[in-house]
Amino acid sequence: MTDQIQLPVEVRTEFGKGYARRARANGQVPAVIYGHGTDPIHVLLPAQEASLALRHSNVLLDLDVEGKSHLVLTKDVQREAIRGFLMHIDLQVVRKGEKVSVDVNVHVEGEIAAGGLLDQELFSVNIEAEATHLPDFVTLNVEGKEVGDIMHASDLILPEGTELQIDADAVVATVHAPRAETAASADEAAEGGTTASATEAKSAE
């Protein structure tokens, strides 16, 4: 089950850039809670605790708003461009048993065969899973893969109850030869072509 993190919440009573700026100066970050047809709820979260919570992928937050519990997922995070501190957070209400779509990282395990290099094309994929059972990642096993092998989204190992939301034929990773070997092969092919041309020219004489 996805870990749930509880954060203290303060309902916003004022709005505007000036108020938001003062809130951030006081160690709070403005946020909005929405979803399931409810009116948006504008709140303030403790910036430090929120920043720590957001280090977890697809973290599930349990917010107590005036005595009512709201289970939410982070949908959008705005950060200050230079220093990276939190500016605003969009939070979507979810319910136990509800399926949601999120992006998760692709975790590569295993070792490819000697002489090849792994080129990973996708580092995250979109999946659908129950809101309280979101995986931290999906796995791509590359054990023994050789030069020329191509691994697709259909090769990903998904936790039970998780469904892939991208094309099963999407390329996740490939194994290719080192560039030096590729360049050497190209040079050999070019030399072979030159030799053949020279031989043909001499024969023509």
N, C-alpha and C. Protein backbone atom coordinates (compact mmCIF):
# COMPACT_ATOMS: atom_id res chain seq x y z
N MET A 1 0.84 -1.19 0.00
CA MET A 1 0.00 0.00 0.00
C MET A 1 0.87 1.25 0.00
N THR A 2 0.46 2.24 -0.75
CA THR A 2 1.19 3.50 -0.78
C THR A 2 1.19 4.15 0.60
N ASP A 3 2.37 4.59 1.04
CA ASP A 3 2.46 5.26 2.33
C ASP A 3 1.64 6.55 2.31
N GLN A 4 0.98 6.82 3.42
CA GLN A 4 0.21 8.06 3.55
C GLN A 4 0.92 8.96 4.55
N ILE A 5 1.12 10.20 4.16
CA ILE A 5 1.79 11.17 5.02
C ILE A 5 0.79 12.22 5.46
N GLN A 6 0.71 12.43 6.75
CA GLN A 6 -0.21 13.43 7.29
C GLN A 6 0.51 14.77 7.44
N LEU A 7 -0.15 15.82 7.00
CA LEU A 7 0.40 17.16 7.12
C LEU A 7 -0.64 18.08 7.75
N PRO A 8 -0.20 18.97 8.62
CA PRO A 8 -1.14 19.95 9.17
C PRO A 8 -1.56 20.95 8.09
N VAL A 9 -2.81 21.36 8.14
CA VAL A 9 -3.36 22.24 7.10
C VAL A 9 -4.01 23.45 7.75
N GLU A 10 -3.81 24.58 7.11
CA GLU A 10 -4.48 25.81 7.55
C GLU A 10 -5.27 26.36 6.37
N VAL A 11 -6.57 26.57 6.56
CA VAL A 11 -7.41 27.08 5.49
C VAL A 11 -7.06 28.54 5.23
N ARG A 12 -6.91 28.89 3.95
CA ARG A 12 -6.58 30.27 3.59
C ARG A 12 -7.81 31.16 3.74
N THR A 13 -7.59 32.30 4.34
CA THR A 13 -8.68 33.27 4.51
C THR A 13 -8.44 34.53 3.68
N GLU A 14 -7.23 34.66 3.14
CA GLU A 14 -6.90 35.81 2.31
C GLU A 14 -6.28 35.31 1.01
N PHE A 15 -6.33 36.17 -0.01
CA PHE A 15 -5.80 35.79 -1.31
C PHE A 15 -4.99 36.94 -1.90
N GLY A 16 -4.36 36.67 -3.02
CA GLY A 16 -3.54 37.70 -3.66
C GLY A 16 -2.06 37.40 -3.52
N LYS A 17 -1.27 38.00 -4.41
CA LYS A 17 0.18 37.75 -4.43
C LYS A 17 0.85 38.19 -3.14
N GLY A 18 0.40 39.32 -2.59
CA GLY A 18 1.00 39.82 -1.37
C GLY A 18 0.82 38.85 -0.21
N TYR A 19 -0.38 38.30 -0.08
CA TYR A 19 -0.66 37.35 1.00
C TYR A 19 0.15 36.08 0.80
N ALA A 20 0.20 35.59 -0.45
CA ALA A 20 0.97 34.37 -0.74
C ALA A 20 2.44 34.58 -0.43
N ARG A 21 2.95 35.77 -0.74
CA ARG A 21 4.36 36.08 -0.47
C ARG A 21 4.64 36.07 1.03
N ARG A 22 3.72 36.64 1.80
CA ARG A 22 3.90 36.66 3.26
C ARG A 22 3.82 35.25 3.83
N ALA A 23 2.92 34.44 3.28
CA ALA A 23 2.78 33.06 3.75
C ALA A 23 4.07 32.29 3.53
N ARG A 24 4.66 32.45 2.34
CA ARG A 24 5.92 31.75 2.06
C ARG A 24 7.04 32.25 2.96
N ALA A 25 7.04 33.54 3.26
CA ALA A 25 8.04 34.09 4.17
C ALA A 25 7.89 33.51 5.58
N ASN A 26 6.67 33.08 5.92
CA ASN A 26 6.40 32.49 7.24
C ASN A 26 6.55 30.97 7.23
N GLY A 27 7.12 30.43 6.15
CA GLY A 27 7.36 28.99 6.09
C GLY A 27 6.16 28.17 5.67
N GLN A 28 5.23 28.78 4.94
CA GLN A 28 4.06 28.06 4.45
C GLN A 28 4.01 28.13 2.93
N VAL A 29 3.34 27.16 2.32
CA VAL A 29 3.20 27.15 0.87
C VAL A 29 1.71 27.07 0.52
N PRO A 30 1.22 27.95 -0.34
CA PRO A 30 -0.19 27.90 -0.76
C PRO A 30 -0.46 26.63 -1.58
N ALA A 31 -1.66 26.09 -1.41
CA ALA A 31 -2.06 24.90 -2.16
C ALA A 31 -3.57 24.94 -2.37
N VAL A 32 -4.02 24.16 -3.35
CA VAL A 32 -5.46 24.06 -3.60
C VAL A 32 -5.83 22.58 -3.70
N ILE A 33 -6.93 22.21 -3.05
CA ILE A 33 -7.44 20.84 -3.07
C ILE A 33 -8.70 20.83 -3.93
N TYR A 34 -8.76 19.90 -4.89
CA TYR A 34 -9.93 19.85 -5.77
C TYR A 34 -10.17 18.41 -6.21
N GLY A 35 -11.35 18.19 -6.81
CA GLY A 35 -11.66 16.87 -7.36
C GLY A 35 -12.97 16.31 -6.83
N HIS A 36 -13.51 15.34 -7.58
CA HIS A 36 -14.76 14.66 -7.24
C HIS A 36 -15.93 15.64 -7.10
N GLY A 37 -15.91 16.68 -7.90
CA GLY A 37 -17.04 17.59 -7.95
C GLY A 37 -17.16 18.54 -6.77
N THR A 38 -16.15 18.54 -5.90
CA THR A 38 -16.21 19.43 -4.74
C THR A 38 -15.64 20.80 -5.09
N ASP A 39 -16.05 21.81 -4.35
CA ASP A 39 -15.50 23.14 -4.55
C ASP A 39 -14.03 23.15 -4.14
N PRO A 40 -13.19 23.86 -4.87
CA PRO A 40 -11.77 23.94 -4.50
C PRO A 40 -11.60 24.49 -3.08
N ILE A 41 -10.65 23.90 -2.36
CA ILE A 41 -10.34 24.36 -1.00
C ILE A 41 -8.93 24.92 -1.02
N HIS A 42 -8.78 26.19 -0.69
CA HIS A 42 -7.48 26.83 -0.69
C HIS A 42 -6.88 26.74 0.72
N VAL A 43 -5.68 26.18 0.79
CA VAL A 43 -5.06 25.92 2.09
C VAL A 43 -3.60 26.37 2.10
N LEU A 44 -3.02 26.31 3.29
CA LEU A 44 -1.59 26.55 3.47
C LEU A 44 -0.99 25.30 4.11
N LEU A 45 0.15 24.86 3.57
CA LEU A 45 0.86 23.70 4.11
C LEU A 45 2.21 24.16 4.66
N PRO A 46 2.74 23.46 5.66
CA PRO A 46 4.09 23.79 6.14
C PRO A 46 5.10 23.46 5.04
N ALA A 47 5.86 24.46 4.62
CA ALA A 47 6.73 24.30 3.45
C ALA A 47 7.78 23.21 3.63
N GLN A 48 8.42 23.16 4.79
CA GLN A 48 9.49 22.19 4.99
C GLN A 48 8.96 20.76 4.96
N GLU A 49 7.86 20.51 5.69
CA GLU A 49 7.28 19.17 5.71
C GLU A 49 6.76 18.77 4.32
N ALA A 50 6.16 19.73 3.61
CA ALA A 50 5.65 19.44 2.27
C ALA A 50 6.79 19.11 1.32
N SER A 51 7.90 19.85 1.43
CA SER A 51 9.05 19.60 0.57
C SER A 51 9.62 18.21 0.81
N LEU A 52 9.69 17.79 2.07
CA LEU A 52 10.19 16.46 2.40
C LEU A 52 9.25 15.38 1.88
N ALA A 53 7.95 15.62 2.01
CA ALA A 53 6.96 14.64 1.54
C ALA A 53 7.04 14.45 0.03
N LEU A 54 7.28 15.54 -0.69
CA LEU A 54 7.28 15.48 -2.15
C LEU A 54 8.53 14.79 -2.72
N ARG A 55 9.46 14.44 -1.84
CA ARG A 55 10.62 13.67 -2.31
C ARG A 55 10.20 12.25 -2.68
N HIS A 56 9.07 11.80 -2.15
CA HIS A 56 8.55 10.47 -2.45
C HIS A 56 7.72 10.54 -3.74
N SER A 57 7.94 9.58 -4.61
CA SER A 57 7.21 9.54 -5.87
C SER A 57 5.74 9.25 -5.64
N ASN A 58 4.86 10.08 -6.22
CA ASN A 58 3.41 9.89 -6.11
C ASN A 58 2.96 9.70 -4.67
N VAL A 59 3.47 10.57 -3.80
CA VAL A 59 3.13 10.47 -2.39
C VAL A 59 1.64 10.74 -2.18
N LEU A 60 1.05 9.99 -1.26
CA LEU A 60 -0.36 10.14 -0.91
C LEU A 60 -0.43 10.92 0.40
N LEU A 61 -1.09 12.07 0.36
CA LEU A 61 -1.17 12.92 1.54
C LEU A 61 -2.55 12.80 2.19
N ASP A 62 -2.55 12.73 3.50
CA ASP A 62 -3.79 12.70 4.28
C ASP A 62 -3.89 14.05 5.00
N LEU A 63 -4.79 14.90 4.52
CA LEU A 63 -4.90 16.25 5.06
C LEU A 63 -6.19 16.40 5.87
N ASP A 64 -6.04 16.94 7.07
CA ASP A 64 -7.19 17.20 7.93
C ASP A 64 -7.58 18.66 7.77
N VAL A 65 -8.69 18.88 7.07
CA VAL A 65 -9.16 20.25 6.84
C VAL A 65 -10.40 20.49 7.69
N GLU A 66 -10.19 21.20 8.78
CA GLU A 66 -11.29 21.53 9.70
C GLU A 66 -12.06 20.29 10.13
N GLY A 67 -11.31 19.25 10.48
CA GLY A 67 -11.92 18.03 11.00
C GLY A 67 -12.32 17.01 9.96
N LYS A 68 -12.20 17.33 8.69
CA LYS A 68 -12.55 16.39 7.62
C LYS A 68 -11.29 15.93 6.90
N SER A 69 -11.14 14.60 6.76
CA SER A 69 -9.95 14.05 6.12
C SER A 69 -10.07 14.09 4.61
N HIS A 70 -8.99 14.50 3.96
CA HIS A 70 -8.93 14.53 2.50
C HIS A 70 -7.69 13.75 2.06
N LEU A 71 -7.91 12.69 1.29
CA LEU A 71 -6.81 11.91 0.74
C LEU A 71 -6.48 12.49 -0.63
N VAL A 72 -5.24 12.95 -0.83
CA VAL A 72 -4.91 13.67 -2.06
C VAL A 72 -3.59 13.20 -2.66
N LEU A 73 -3.50 13.36 -3.99
CA LEU A 73 -2.26 13.14 -4.73
C LEU A 73 -1.80 14.47 -5.30
N THR A 74 -0.50 14.65 -5.38
CA THR A 74 0.05 15.86 -5.98
C THR A 74 -0.11 15.81 -7.49
N LYS A 75 -0.72 16.84 -8.07
CA LYS A 75 -0.91 16.89 -9.52
C LYS A 75 0.01 17.91 -10.18
N ASP A 76 0.37 18.96 -9.46
CA ASP A 76 1.25 19.97 -10.05
C ASP A 76 1.99 20.71 -8.93
N VAL A 77 3.27 20.94 -9.16
CA VAL A 77 4.10 21.65 -8.18
C VAL A 77 4.81 22.79 -8.88
N GLN A 78 4.66 23.99 -8.37
CA GLN A 78 5.37 25.15 -8.91
C GLN A 78 6.49 25.52 -7.95
N ARG A 79 7.70 25.66 -8.52
CA ARG A 79 8.86 26.01 -7.72
C ARG A 79 9.49 27.30 -8.23
N GLU A 80 10.16 28.00 -7.34
CA GLU A 80 10.90 29.20 -7.71
C GLU A 80 12.04 28.79 -8.63
N ALA A 81 12.20 29.51 -9.74
CA ALA A 81 13.10 29.08 -10.81
C ALA A 81 14.56 28.96 -10.39
N ILE A 82 15.04 29.84 -9.53
CA ILE A 82 16.46 29.86 -9.19
C ILE A 82 16.77 29.03 -7.95
N ARG A 83 16.06 29.31 -6.86
CA ARG A 83 16.36 28.62 -5.60
C ARG A 83 15.57 27.33 -5.41
N GLY A 84 14.51 27.15 -6.18
CA GLY A 84 13.78 25.89 -6.16
C GLY A 84 12.81 25.68 -5.02
N PHE A 85 12.54 26.72 -4.22
CA PHE A 85 11.60 26.51 -3.12
C PHE A 85 10.17 26.45 -3.64
N LEU A 86 9.29 25.84 -2.85
CA LEU A 86 7.90 25.63 -3.27
C LEU A 86 7.15 26.96 -3.37
N MET A 87 6.41 27.11 -4.47
CA MET A 87 5.60 28.30 -4.67
C MET A 87 4.11 27.99 -4.53
N HIS A 88 3.68 26.85 -5.10
CA HIS A 88 2.26 26.48 -5.06
C HIS A 88 2.12 25.00 -5.40
N ILE A 89 1.10 24.35 -4.81
CA ILE A 89 0.87 22.92 -5.05
C ILE A 89 -0.60 22.70 -5.39
N ASP A 90 -0.85 21.93 -6.45
CA ASP A 90 -2.20 21.48 -6.79
C ASP A 90 -2.37 20.05 -6.26
N LEU A 91 -3.44 19.82 -5.52
CA LEU A 91 -3.68 18.52 -4.90
C LEU A 91 -5.04 17.98 -5.35
N GLN A 92 -5.05 16.75 -5.85
CA GLN A 92 -6.28 16.14 -6.34
C GLN A 92 -6.82 15.12 -5.35
N VAL A 93 -8.09 15.26 -5.01
CA VAL A 93 -8.73 14.33 -4.08
C VAL A 93 -8.87 12.95 -4.74
N VAL A 94 -8.51 11.90 -4.01
CA VAL A 94 -8.70 10.52 -4.49
C VAL A 94 -9.41 9.74 -3.40
N ARG A 95 -9.94 8.59 -3.77
CA ARG A 95 -10.64 7.74 -2.81
C ARG A 95 -10.08 6.32 -2.87
N LYS A 96 -10.14 5.64 -1.75
CA LYS A 96 -9.70 4.25 -1.72
C LYS A 96 -10.54 3.44 -2.69
N GLY A 97 -9.87 2.61 -3.48
CA GLY A 97 -10.56 1.80 -4.48
C GLY A 97 -10.61 2.46 -5.85
N GLU A 98 -10.34 3.76 -5.89
CA GLU A 98 -10.35 4.48 -7.17
C GLU A 98 -9.04 4.26 -7.92
N LYS A 99 -9.13 4.07 -9.23
CA LYS A 99 -7.93 3.92 -10.04
C LYS A 99 -7.53 5.28 -10.60
N VAL A 100 -6.22 5.55 -10.56
CA VAL A 100 -5.69 6.82 -11.05
C VAL A 100 -4.51 6.54 -11.96
N SER A 101 -4.23 7.50 -12.84
CA SER A 101 -3.08 7.39 -13.75
C SER A 101 -1.96 8.29 -13.25
N VAL A 102 -0.77 7.73 -13.15
CA VAL A 102 0.40 8.48 -12.70
C VAL A 102 1.62 8.03 -13.50
N ASP A 103 2.66 8.83 -13.47
CA ASP A 103 3.94 8.45 -14.07
C ASP A 103 4.82 7.83 -13.00
N VAL A 104 5.47 6.72 -13.34
CA VAL A 104 6.40 6.07 -12.40
C VAL A 104 7.72 5.83 -13.12
N ASN A 105 8.80 5.75 -12.36
CA ASN A 105 10.12 5.53 -12.93
C ASN A 105 10.30 4.09 -13.41
N VAL A 106 11.17 3.94 -14.40
CA VAL A 106 11.55 2.61 -14.89
C VAL A 106 12.85 2.22 -14.19
N HIS A 107 12.79 1.14 -13.42
CA HIS A 107 13.97 0.64 -12.70
C HIS A 107 14.59 -0.51 -13.49
N VAL A 108 15.85 -0.35 -13.88
CA VAL A 108 16.54 -1.38 -14.67
C VAL A 108 17.31 -2.30 -13.74
N GLU A 109 17.13 -3.61 -13.95
CA GLU A 109 17.88 -4.58 -13.16
C GLU A 109 18.51 -5.62 -14.08
N GLY A 110 19.59 -6.24 -13.61
CA GLY A 110 20.29 -7.23 -14.41
C GLY A 110 21.45 -6.63 -15.18
N GLU A 111 22.25 -7.48 -15.81
CA GLU A 111 23.40 -7.04 -16.60
C GLU A 111 23.29 -7.58 -18.02
N ILE A 112 23.56 -6.71 -18.99
CA ILE A 112 23.53 -7.14 -20.38
C ILE A 112 24.79 -7.95 -20.68
N ALA A 113 24.78 -8.66 -21.81
CA ALA A 113 25.93 -9.48 -22.20
C ALA A 113 27.14 -8.59 -22.48
N ALA A 114 28.32 -9.16 -22.29
CA ALA A 114 29.55 -8.41 -22.52
C ALA A 114 29.63 -7.94 -23.96
N GLY A 115 30.19 -6.73 -24.13
CA GLY A 115 30.37 -6.20 -25.48
C GLY A 115 29.27 -5.28 -25.95
N GLY A 116 28.25 -5.07 -25.11
CA GLY A 116 27.15 -4.20 -25.51
C GLY A 116 27.00 -3.01 -24.58
N LEU A 117 26.28 -2.01 -25.04
CA LEU A 117 25.96 -0.83 -24.23
C LEU A 117 24.45 -0.66 -24.20
N LEU A 118 23.92 -0.39 -23.01
CA LEU A 118 22.47 -0.21 -22.85
C LEU A 118 22.11 1.25 -23.10
N ASP A 119 21.16 1.46 -23.99
CA ASP A 119 20.67 2.81 -24.29
C ASP A 119 19.20 2.87 -23.86
N GLN A 120 18.94 3.54 -22.72
CA GLN A 120 17.58 3.61 -22.20
C GLN A 120 16.83 4.78 -22.82
N GLU A 121 15.70 4.49 -23.45
CA GLU A 121 14.91 5.51 -24.14
C GLU A 121 13.87 6.14 -23.22
N LEU A 122 13.23 5.32 -22.39
CA LEU A 122 12.19 5.80 -21.48
C LEU A 122 12.64 5.62 -20.04
N PHE A 123 12.57 6.70 -19.27
CA PHE A 123 12.96 6.63 -17.87
C PHE A 123 11.74 6.64 -16.95
N SER A 124 10.58 6.92 -17.51
CA SER A 124 9.33 6.84 -16.76
C SER A 124 8.21 6.47 -17.73
N VAL A 125 7.16 5.85 -17.20
CA VAL A 125 6.01 5.47 -18.02
C VAL A 125 4.74 5.78 -17.24
N ASN A 126 3.64 5.93 -17.97
CA ASN A 126 2.36 6.20 -17.35
C ASN A 126 1.65 4.88 -17.08
N ILE A 127 1.16 4.74 -15.84
CA ILE A 127 0.46 3.51 -15.45
C ILE A 127 -0.85 3.88 -14.76
N GLU A 128 -1.72 2.89 -14.62
CA GLU A 128 -2.96 3.07 -13.87
C GLU A 128 -2.98 2.04 -12.75
N ALA A 129 -3.32 2.51 -11.55
CA ALA A 129 -3.38 1.61 -10.40
C ALA A 129 -4.31 2.20 -9.36
N GLU A 130 -4.66 1.38 -8.37
CA GLU A 130 -5.53 1.85 -7.30
C GLU A 130 -4.79 2.92 -6.49
N ALA A 131 -5.51 3.96 -6.12
CA ALA A 131 -4.89 5.15 -5.53
C ALA A 131 -4.04 4.86 -4.30
N THR A 132 -4.43 3.87 -3.51
CA THR A 132 -3.66 3.57 -2.30
C THR A 132 -2.67 2.43 -2.50
N HIS A 133 -2.50 2.00 -3.75
CA HIS A 133 -1.53 0.94 -4.06
C HIS A 133 -0.67 1.34 -5.27
N LEU A 134 -0.21 2.55 -5.28
CA LEU A 134 0.61 3.02 -6.39
C LEU A 134 2.05 2.52 -6.23
N PRO A 135 2.61 1.92 -7.27
CA PRO A 135 4.00 1.44 -7.17
C PRO A 135 4.98 2.60 -7.25
N ASP A 136 6.15 2.40 -6.65
CA ASP A 136 7.20 3.41 -6.74
C ASP A 136 7.87 3.39 -8.11
N PHE A 137 7.86 2.20 -8.74
CA PHE A 137 8.50 2.05 -10.05
C PHE A 137 8.02 0.77 -10.71
N VAL A 138 8.35 0.63 -11.99
CA VAL A 138 8.16 -0.64 -12.71
C VAL A 138 9.55 -1.11 -13.12
N THR A 139 9.69 -2.40 -13.38
CA THR A 139 11.02 -2.98 -13.58
C THR A 139 11.24 -3.45 -15.01
N LEU A 140 12.44 -3.19 -15.51
CA LEU A 140 12.88 -3.72 -16.80
C LEU A 140 14.09 -4.62 -16.53
N ASN A 141 13.94 -5.91 -16.81
CA ASN A 141 15.04 -6.86 -16.61
C ASN A 141 15.83 -7.00 -17.91
N VAL A 142 17.11 -6.63 -17.86
CA VAL A 142 17.95 -6.66 -19.07
C VAL A 142 18.99 -7.77 -19.01
N GLU A 143 18.85 -8.68 -18.06
CA GLU A 143 19.84 -9.73 -17.87
C GLU A 143 20.09 -10.51 -19.16
N GLY A 144 21.38 -10.54 -19.58
CA GLY A 144 21.79 -11.33 -20.74
C GLY A 144 21.43 -10.76 -22.09
N LYS A 145 20.85 -9.56 -22.14
CA LYS A 145 20.48 -8.98 -23.43
C LYS A 145 21.74 -8.68 -24.24
N GLU A 146 21.66 -8.90 -25.56
CA GLU A 146 22.82 -8.76 -26.43
C GLU A 146 22.65 -7.61 -27.41
N VAL A 147 23.76 -7.29 -28.10
CA VAL A 147 23.74 -6.22 -29.10
C VAL A 147 22.64 -6.50 -30.12
N GLY A 148 21.82 -5.50 -30.37
CA GLY A 148 20.71 -5.65 -31.31
C GLY A 148 19.38 -5.92 -30.65
N ASP A 149 19.39 -6.29 -29.37
CA ASP A 149 18.13 -6.56 -28.66
C ASP A 149 17.38 -5.25 -28.38
N ILE A 150 16.07 -5.30 -28.52
CA ILE A 150 15.21 -4.15 -28.26
C ILE A 150 14.18 -4.55 -27.21
N MET A 151 14.03 -3.74 -26.18
CA MET A 151 13.06 -4.01 -25.13
C MET A 151 11.92 -3.00 -25.19
N HIS A 152 10.71 -3.51 -25.20
CA HIS A 152 9.52 -2.68 -25.35
C HIS A 152 8.78 -2.53 -24.02
N ALA A 153 7.78 -1.66 -24.04
CA ALA A 153 6.97 -1.45 -22.84
C ALA A 153 6.32 -2.75 -22.38
N SER A 154 6.01 -3.62 -23.33
CA SER A 154 5.39 -4.90 -23.00
C SER A 154 6.34 -5.80 -22.19
N ASP A 155 7.63 -5.48 -22.18
CA ASP A 155 8.61 -6.26 -21.42
C ASP A 155 8.73 -5.80 -19.97
N LEU A 156 8.08 -4.70 -19.62
CA LEU A 156 8.16 -4.19 -18.26
C LEU A 156 7.44 -5.12 -17.29
N ILE A 157 8.00 -5.26 -16.11
CA ILE A 157 7.39 -6.09 -15.07
C ILE A 157 6.54 -5.18 -14.20
N LEU A 158 5.23 -5.41 -14.22
CA LEU A 158 4.28 -4.54 -13.51
C LEU A 158 3.80 -5.22 -12.23
N PRO A 159 3.70 -4.47 -11.14
CA PRO A 159 3.13 -5.03 -9.91
C PRO A 159 1.68 -5.44 -10.14
N GLU A 160 1.19 -6.35 -9.34
CA GLU A 160 -0.19 -6.81 -9.47
C GLU A 160 -1.16 -5.63 -9.33
N GLY A 161 -2.15 -5.58 -10.22
CA GLY A 161 -3.14 -4.52 -10.17
C GLY A 161 -2.74 -3.27 -10.92
N THR A 162 -1.57 -3.30 -11.57
CA THR A 162 -1.08 -2.14 -12.31
C THR A 162 -1.22 -2.38 -13.81
N GLU A 163 -1.73 -1.39 -14.51
CA GLU A 163 -1.90 -1.50 -15.96
C GLU A 163 -1.11 -0.41 -16.67
N LEU A 164 -0.46 -0.80 -17.76
CA LEU A 164 0.32 0.14 -18.56
C LEU A 164 -0.60 1.04 -19.36
N GLN A 165 -0.29 2.34 -19.42
CA GLN A 165 -1.12 3.29 -20.14
C GLN A 165 -0.43 3.88 -21.36
N ILE A 166 0.63 3.22 -21.83
CA ILE A 166 1.30 3.64 -23.05
C ILE A 166 1.30 2.47 -24.03
N ASP A 167 1.66 2.74 -25.28
CA ASP A 167 1.70 1.72 -26.31
C ASP A 167 2.65 0.60 -25.90
N ALA A 168 2.16 -0.63 -25.96
CA ALA A 168 2.99 -1.78 -25.57
C ALA A 168 4.22 -1.93 -26.44
N ASP A 169 4.18 -1.36 -27.66
CA ASP A 169 5.32 -1.46 -28.58
C ASP A 169 6.33 -0.32 -28.40
N ALA A 170 6.06 0.60 -27.48
CA ALA A 170 6.99 1.70 -27.25
C ALA A 170 8.35 1.16 -26.82
N VAL A 171 9.42 1.69 -27.42
CA VAL A 171 10.77 1.21 -27.11
C VAL A 171 11.24 1.81 -25.78
N VAL A 172 11.61 0.94 -24.86
CA VAL A 172 12.09 1.37 -23.55
C VAL A 172 13.62 1.43 -23.53
N ALA A 173 14.26 0.44 -24.14
CA ALA A 173 15.72 0.40 -24.16
C ALA A 173 16.21 -0.49 -25.30
N THR A 174 17.43 -0.23 -25.73
CA THR A 174 18.07 -1.06 -26.75
C THR A 174 19.50 -1.35 -26.32
N VAL A 175 20.08 -2.38 -26.91
CA VAL A 175 21.49 -2.70 -26.65
C VAL A 175 22.24 -2.53 -27.96
N HIS A 176 23.27 -1.71 -27.94
CA HIS A 176 24.05 -1.49 -29.16
C HIS A 176 25.53 -1.68 -28.89
N ALA A 177 26.30 -1.77 -29.96
CA ALA A 177 27.75 -1.95 -29.84
C ALA A 177 28.40 -0.63 -29.45
N PRO A 178 29.54 -0.68 -28.76
CA PRO A 178 30.26 0.55 -28.44
C PRO A 178 30.58 1.33 -29.70
N ARG A 179 30.66 2.64 -29.59
CA ARG A 179 30.88 3.49 -30.76
C ARG A 179 32.17 3.17 -31.48
N ALA A 180 33.22 2.84 -30.74
CA ALA A 180 34.51 2.53 -31.36
C ALA A 180 34.37 1.35 -32.30
N GLU A 181 33.62 0.32 -31.85
CA GLU A 181 33.44 -0.86 -32.68
C GLU A 181 32.60 -0.52 -33.90
N THR A 182 31.58 0.32 -33.68
CA THR A 182 30.71 0.71 -34.79
C THR A 182 31.50 1.50 -35.83
N ALA A 183 32.36 2.42 -35.33
CA ALA A 183 33.17 3.22 -36.24
C ALA A 183 34.16 2.34 -37.00
N ALA A 184 34.75 1.36 -36.28
CA ALA A 184 35.71 0.46 -36.92
C ALA A 184 35.03 -0.35 -38.01
N SER A 185 33.81 -0.82 -37.74
CA SER A 185 33.08 -1.59 -38.74
C SER A 185 32.78 -0.74 -39.96
N ALA A 186 32.43 0.53 -39.71
CA ALA A 186 32.13 1.43 -40.81
C ALA A 186 33.38 1.69 -41.64
N ASP A 187 34.54 1.85 -40.95
CA ASP A 187 35.80 2.09 -41.66
C ASP A 187 36.17 0.88 -42.50
N GLU A 188 35.97 -0.33 -41.92
CA GLU A 188 36.29 -1.55 -42.65
C GLU A 188 35.42 -1.67 -43.89
N ALA A 189 34.15 -1.31 -43.73
CA ALA A 189 33.24 -1.39 -44.87
C ALA A 189 33.66 -0.40 -45.95
N ALA A 190 34.08 0.80 -45.51
CA ALA A 190 34.50 1.82 -46.46
C ALA A 190 35.77 1.39 -47.18
N GLU A 191 36.72 0.81 -46.41
CA GLU A 191 37.96 0.34 -47.02
C GLU A 191 37.69 -0.79 -48.01
N GLY A 192 36.77 -1.66 -47.62
CA GLY A 192 36.41 -2.76 -48.51
C GLY A 192 35.84 -2.26 -49.81
N GLY A 193 35.01 -1.21 -49.71
CA GLY A 193 34.42 -0.63 -50.90
C GLY A 193 35.47 0.03 -51.77
N THR A 194 36.44 0.71 -51.13
CA THR A 194 37.50 1.38 -51.88
C THR A 194 38.38 0.36 -52.60
N THR A 195 38.72 -0.73 -51.89
CA THR A 195 39.55 -1.78 -52.48
C THR A 195 38.86 -2.42 -53.67
N ALA A 196 37.56 -2.67 -53.49
CA ALA A 196 36.79 -3.28 -54.58
C ALA A 196 36.76 -2.37 -55.78
N SER A 197 36.59 -1.07 -55.55
CA SER A 197 36.54 -0.11 -56.65
C SER A 197 37.87 -0.05 -57.37
N ALA A 198 38.97 -0.08 -56.58
CA ALA A 198 40.30 -0.03 -57.18
C ALA A 198 40.55 -1.27 -58.02
N THR A 199 40.11 -2.42 -57.52
CA THR A 199 40.30 -3.68 -58.25
C THR A 199 39.53 -3.65 -59.56
N GLU A 200 38.30 -3.14 -59.48
CA GLU A 200 37.48 -3.06 -60.68
C GLU A 200 38.11 -2.12 -61.71
N ALA A 201 38.67 -1.00 -61.21
CA ALA A 201 39.29 -0.03 -62.11
C ALA A 201 40.51 -0.63 -62.79
N LYS A 202 41.33 -1.39 -62.01
CA LYS A 202 42.53 -2.00 -62.57
C LYS A 202 42.15 -3.05 -63.62
N SER A 203 41.08 -3.79 -63.33
CA SER A 203 40.63 -4.81 -64.28
C SER A 203 40.18 -4.16 -65.58
N ALA A 204 39.55 -3.00 -65.44
CA ALA A 204 39.06 -2.31 -66.63
C ALA A 204 40.21 -1.84 -67.49
N GLU A 205 41.37 -1.51 -66.87
CA GLU A 205 42.54 -1.08 -67.63
C GLU A 205 43.09 -2.25 -68.43
